[in-house]
Protein backbone atom coordinates (compact mmCIF):
# COMPACT_ATOMS: atom_id res chain seq x y z
CA MET A 1 -11.45 -1.36 15.19
CA SER A 2 -14.10 -0.34 12.75
CA ASP A 3 -13.59 -0.08 9.01
CA THR A 4 -13.20 3.64 8.41
CA TRP A 5 -11.60 3.66 4.91
CA GLN A 6 -13.35 6.30 2.70
CA PRO A 7 -12.95 5.34 -1.00
CA GLU A 8 -14.02 8.89 -2.00
CA GLN A 9 -11.29 10.42 0.11
CA TYR A 10 -8.69 8.09 -1.07
CA ALA A 11 -9.71 8.67 -4.63
CA ARG A 12 -9.40 12.40 -4.20
CA PHE A 13 -5.84 12.28 -5.69
CA ARG A 14 -6.59 9.32 -7.90
CA ALA A 15 -4.22 10.26 -10.81
CA GLU A 16 -1.32 10.82 -8.43
CA ARG A 17 -1.95 7.62 -6.50
CA GLU A 18 -2.40 5.46 -9.61
CA GLN A 19 0.95 6.44 -11.31
CA PRO A 20 3.06 4.13 -9.13
CA PHE A 21 0.68 1.37 -9.93
CA HIS A 22 1.34 1.78 -13.73
CA ASP A 23 5.01 2.06 -13.06
CA LEU A 24 5.00 -1.13 -10.98
CA LEU A 25 2.69 -2.97 -13.60
CA ALA A 26 5.28 -2.09 -16.33
CA LEU A 27 7.80 -4.46 -14.60
CA VAL A 28 5.32 -7.40 -14.75
CA GLU A 29 5.39 -9.78 -17.59
CA PRO A 30 2.34 -11.19 -18.96
CA VAL A 31 1.26 -14.74 -17.84
CA PRO A 32 -1.38 -15.89 -20.31
CA GLY A 33 -3.80 -18.37 -18.77
CA GLY A 34 -2.06 -17.84 -15.36
CA ARG A 35 -3.24 -17.26 -11.78
CA VAL A 36 -2.62 -13.79 -10.18
CA VAL A 37 -3.54 -12.26 -6.98
CA ASP A 38 -3.85 -8.63 -6.09
CA LEU A 39 -3.21 -8.05 -2.39
CA GLY A 40 -4.87 -4.75 -1.05
CA CYS A 41 -6.96 -4.36 -4.19
CA GLY A 42 -9.12 -1.57 -2.83
CA THR A 43 -12.14 -0.74 -4.90
CA GLY A 44 -10.85 -3.23 -7.62
CA VAL A 45 -10.58 -0.69 -10.48
CA LEU A 46 -6.84 -1.31 -10.91
CA THR A 47 -7.38 -5.07 -10.35
CA ARG A 48 -9.08 -5.18 -13.65
CA VAL A 49 -6.20 -3.38 -15.34
CA LEU A 50 -3.82 -5.86 -13.80
CA HIS A 51 -5.88 -8.76 -15.14
CA GLU A 52 -5.94 -7.43 -18.62
CA HIS A 53 -2.18 -6.65 -18.66
CA THR A 54 -1.14 -10.12 -17.51
CA GLY A 55 -3.63 -12.18 -19.56
CA ALA A 56 -4.29 -14.34 -16.75
CA ALA A 57 -7.07 -16.88 -16.56
CA GLU A 58 -7.94 -15.89 -13.03
CA THR A 59 -7.10 -12.78 -10.90
CA VAL A 60 -8.27 -12.45 -7.26
CA GLY A 61 -8.41 -9.19 -5.48
CA VAL A 62 -7.90 -9.39 -1.81
CA ASP A 63 -8.79 -6.63 0.68
CA ARG A 64 -9.69 -6.28 4.29
CA SER A 65 -11.95 -3.23 4.01
CA GLU A 66 -15.55 -3.77 3.33
CA ALA A 67 -16.02 -0.24 2.33
CA MET A 68 -13.42 -0.67 -0.30
CA LEU A 69 -14.65 -3.97 -1.60
CA ALA A 70 -18.41 -2.69 -1.69
CA GLN A 71 -17.35 -0.93 -4.91
CA SER A 72 -15.51 -3.85 -6.39
CA GLU A 73 -18.41 -5.80 -7.80
CA GLN A 74 -18.60 -3.58 -10.89
CA HIS A 75 -15.07 -4.82 -11.88
CA ALA A 76 -15.74 -8.52 -11.24
CA GLY A 77 -16.24 -11.10 -13.94
CA GLU A 78 -14.46 -12.45 -16.96
CA GLY A 79 -11.75 -14.07 -14.68
CA VAL A 80 -11.67 -11.47 -11.98
CA ARG A 81 -13.17 -11.97 -8.54
CA PHE A 82 -12.75 -10.44 -5.12
CA GLU A 83 -12.75 -11.53 -1.65
CA GLN A 84 -12.28 -10.21 1.82
CA GLY A 85 -9.10 -11.30 3.58
CA ASP A 86 -6.08 -10.17 5.70
CA ILE A 87 -2.86 -9.89 3.83
CA GLY A 88 -1.08 -10.75 7.04
CA THR A 89 -2.48 -14.36 6.93
CA PHE A 90 -2.72 -14.80 3.18
CA ARG A 91 -1.86 -18.26 1.91
CA GLY A 92 -1.70 -19.56 -1.55
CA ASN A 93 0.23 -21.85 -3.82
CA GLY A 94 1.16 -22.17 -7.58
CA LEU A 95 0.61 -18.46 -8.31
CA ASP A 96 2.06 -16.90 -11.35
CA VAL A 97 1.92 -13.33 -9.91
CA VAL A 98 1.64 -11.81 -6.45
CA PHE A 99 1.03 -8.05 -6.88
CA SER A 100 0.56 -5.63 -4.16
CA ASN A 101 0.24 -1.80 -4.76
CA ALA A 102 0.51 0.40 -1.62
CA ALA A 103 -0.62 -2.16 0.77
CA LEU A 104 2.13 -4.03 2.51
CA GLN A 105 3.28 -1.05 4.38
CA TRP A 106 0.25 -1.75 6.62
CA VAL A 107 1.66 -5.17 7.53
CA ASP A 108 4.28 -5.75 10.22
CA GLY A 109 6.89 -8.36 10.05
CA HIS A 110 8.39 -8.11 6.62
CA GLU A 111 10.97 -10.64 7.53
CA THR A 112 8.42 -13.34 7.51
CA LEU A 113 5.78 -11.64 5.22
CA PHE A 114 7.97 -11.71 2.10
CA PRO A 115 9.19 -15.52 2.64
CA ARG A 116 5.58 -16.48 2.90
CA LEU A 117 4.41 -14.56 -0.18
CA ALA A 118 7.39 -15.96 -2.12
CA ALA A 119 6.28 -19.47 -1.03
CA THR A 120 2.88 -18.87 -2.91
CA LEU A 121 4.60 -18.65 -6.13
CA ARG A 122 5.43 -21.34 -8.68
CA GLU A 123 8.75 -21.63 -10.34
CA GLY A 124 9.10 -18.58 -12.64
CA GLY A 125 6.44 -16.73 -10.71
CA GLN A 126 6.70 -13.01 -10.16
CA LEU A 127 6.45 -10.89 -6.95
CA ALA A 128 5.59 -7.06 -7.69
CA VAL A 129 5.28 -4.71 -4.69
CA GLN A 130 4.97 -0.95 -4.40
CA MET A 131 5.15 0.67 -0.83
CA PRO A 132 5.17 4.31 0.11
CA MET A 133 8.43 5.28 2.00
CA ASN A 134 7.63 8.80 2.97
CA HIS A 135 7.80 8.25 6.78
CA ASP A 136 10.36 11.05 7.05
CA HIS A 137 8.11 13.82 5.67
CA PRO A 138 6.35 16.15 8.01
CA SER A 139 3.00 14.77 6.75
CA HIS A 140 3.88 11.62 8.48
CA THR A 141 6.15 12.75 11.29
CA VAL A 142 3.78 15.38 12.53
CA ALA A 143 0.95 12.75 12.61
CA HIS A 144 2.89 10.59 15.08
CA GLU A 145 3.97 13.55 17.14
CA VAL A 146 0.40 14.63 17.52
CA ALA A 147 -0.58 11.09 18.51
CA ARG A 148 2.01 11.23 21.38
CA GLU A 149 0.54 14.47 22.87
CA PRO A 150 -1.06 13.77 26.06
CA ARG A 151 -4.74 14.17 25.39
CA HIS A 152 -4.51 12.16 22.06
CA ALA A 153 -2.07 9.60 23.60
CA LYS A 154 -4.85 9.02 26.21
CA ALA A 155 -7.52 8.59 23.70
CA LEU A 156 -5.37 6.24 21.64
CA GLY A 157 -4.36 4.16 24.43
CA GLY A 158 -0.69 5.05 23.78
CA TYR A 159 -0.82 3.75 20.27
CA VAL A 160 1.47 5.32 17.62
CA ARG A 161 1.57 4.01 14.11
CA GLY A 162 4.68 1.93 13.47
CA TYR A 163 6.83 1.72 10.47
CA PRO A 164 7.52 -1.74 9.20
CA LEU A 165 9.59 -0.97 6.15
CA ARG A 166 13.27 -1.56 5.98
CA GLU A 167 16.01 -0.11 3.95
CA VAL A 168 15.66 -0.25 0.16
CA GLU A 169 18.82 -2.51 0.04
CA TRP A 170 17.33 -4.73 2.62
CA TYR A 171 14.65 -5.85 0.27
CA ALA A 172 17.12 -6.48 -2.62
CA GLU A 173 19.12 -8.84 -0.34
CA LEU A 174 16.08 -10.45 0.81
CA LEU A 175 14.74 -11.25 -2.71
CA ALA A 176 18.02 -12.62 -3.53
CA ARG A 177 18.05 -14.94 -0.55
CA LEU A 178 14.52 -16.01 -1.34
CA GLY A 179 15.69 -17.14 -4.74
CA PHE A 180 14.52 -14.50 -6.95
CA GLU A 181 17.26 -14.75 -9.47
CA GLN A 182 15.96 -11.70 -11.46
CA GLN A 183 14.93 -8.53 -9.65
CA HIS A 184 14.32 -4.85 -9.91
CA VAL A 185 14.40 -2.83 -6.76
CA ARG A 186 14.21 1.03 -6.73
CA LEU A 187 13.36 4.16 -4.67
CA GLN A 188 11.48 6.63 -6.75
CA VAL A 189 10.38 10.16 -5.92
CA TYR A 190 6.99 11.31 -7.20
CA LEU A 191 6.63 15.17 -7.04
CA HIS A 192 3.16 16.04 -6.79
CA ARG A 193 2.01 19.64 -7.44
CA LEU A 194 -0.90 20.30 -5.16
CA ALA A 195 -3.00 23.48 -4.99
CA GLY A 196 -1.70 24.40 -1.67
CA PRO A 197 -0.32 22.96 1.61
CA GLU A 198 -3.76 22.30 2.95
CA GLU A 199 -4.11 19.54 0.23
CA VAL A 200 -1.31 17.64 1.96
CA VAL A 201 -3.81 17.27 4.89
CA GLU A 202 -6.39 15.97 2.62
CA TRP A 203 -3.99 13.39 1.12
CA VAL A 204 -2.96 11.79 4.29
CA LYS A 205 -6.72 11.82 5.55
CA GLY A 206 -7.22 9.21 2.86
CA SER A 207 -4.39 7.02 3.97
CA LEU A 208 -2.16 7.29 6.98
CA LEU A 209 -4.60 9.16 9.15
CA THR A 210 -7.19 6.35 8.76
CA ASP A 211 -5.11 4.29 11.12
CA TYR A 212 -5.73 6.94 13.83
CA ARG A 213 -9.27 7.47 12.73
CA ASN A 214 -9.93 3.69 13.31
CA ARG A 215 -8.96 4.12 16.93
CA LEU A 216 -10.83 7.23 17.97
CA SER A 217 -14.42 8.29 18.32
CA PRO A 218 -15.69 10.81 15.80
CA GLU A 219 -15.17 13.66 18.36
CA GLU A 220 -11.76 12.53 19.33
CA TYR A 221 -10.63 12.24 15.76
CA GLU A 222 -11.86 15.68 14.89
CA ALA A 223 -9.83 16.94 17.82
CA TYR A 224 -6.72 14.99 16.72
CA LEU A 225 -7.24 16.26 13.00
CA ALA A 226 -7.50 19.88 14.11
CA ASP A 227 -4.28 19.69 16.01
CA PHE A 228 -2.50 17.84 13.11
CA ARG A 229 -3.71 20.41 10.66
CA GLU A 230 -2.39 23.31 12.68
CA ARG A 231 0.85 21.70 13.31
CA LEU A 232 1.53 20.45 9.84
CA LEU A 233 0.51 23.80 8.07
CA ALA A 234 2.98 25.66 10.45
CA GLU A 235 5.84 23.43 9.19
CA LEU A 236 4.97 23.47 5.42
CA PRO A 237 5.81 26.39 3.19
CA ASP A 238 2.72 28.26 2.03
CA GLU A 239 3.48 27.88 -1.63
CA ARG A 240 0.97 27.65 -4.43
CA PRO A 241 1.25 25.33 -6.14
CA HIS A 242 2.54 23.24 -3.34
CA LEU A 243 5.29 20.76 -4.05
CA TYR A 244 4.66 17.49 -2.22
CA PRO A 245 7.70 14.93 -2.83
CA PHE A 246 6.54 11.46 -2.15
CA LYS A 247 9.08 8.57 -1.93
CA ARG A 248 8.01 5.02 -2.97
CA LEU A 249 9.69 1.62 -3.21
CA LEU A 250 9.05 -0.37 -6.27
CA LEU A 251 10.32 -4.00 -6.31
CA TRP A 252 9.99 -6.89 -8.72
CA GLY A 253 11.44 -10.27 -8.72
CA ARG A 254 11.14 -13.65 -10.73
CA LYS A 255 11.45 -16.78 -8.61
CA GLY A 256 14.04 -19.22 -9.77
CA ALA A 257 13.95 -22.96 -9.43
CA ALA A 258 13.99 -24.71 -6.04
CA SER A 259 13.26 -21.38 -4.28
CA GLY A 260 10.50 -19.83 -2.29
CA GLY A 261 11.65 -19.22 1.12
CA THR A 262 10.34 -20.78 4.37
CA GLY A 263 6.73 -19.47 4.39
């Protein structure tokens, strides 16, 4: 698959997308002189904010997308650096904070992913994760329904984006089993006021639909996008402003002694 992430499209709703980051960051306690990793750092603009909040000696931003990382250089330096890497295979040790904002929803196998991330933390280390949980909204369900339509299913080779997230309480129980003696786990609804329903299409073009765009030719993707737009706008109320409720899971935990899972 090619890298079809479009930083400009993703940033179209920058203020709305950044608020969950700040809400998650508020849960993280400073670690002066510590080591921090930002998994799924994107363009790196928020990695710099994370670094300044924690007071870490070193913060490493990790992302798989070359297009996103191409914009990270301007945020590097003074303890911040960036590297290309896959969250699904990330390894580390002795970290003070593992932070991930809107990235782990792209990684399958959370029953093994979270233990592995926990194992990278030192005693007293913190895990902070934010993940979208809007899979039951038409903006997401319609995308997968269209992918199953015969002509698109053929172009996609039968691929339909899976959903690796589990129930909210599953994560609370998992953190406890992994030795996070302190934790904060919540589901939060962010109510976005968009100009109209057509902006919901623009929203998911910058995130969810990239997974389909990666697997289609430009012509196939335009055909898919046209059908998606038509189907979605038929389901959404034509209200202006348009209310777009978006659910997100925010979780934070502090690792106790002799813990860390089996990663």
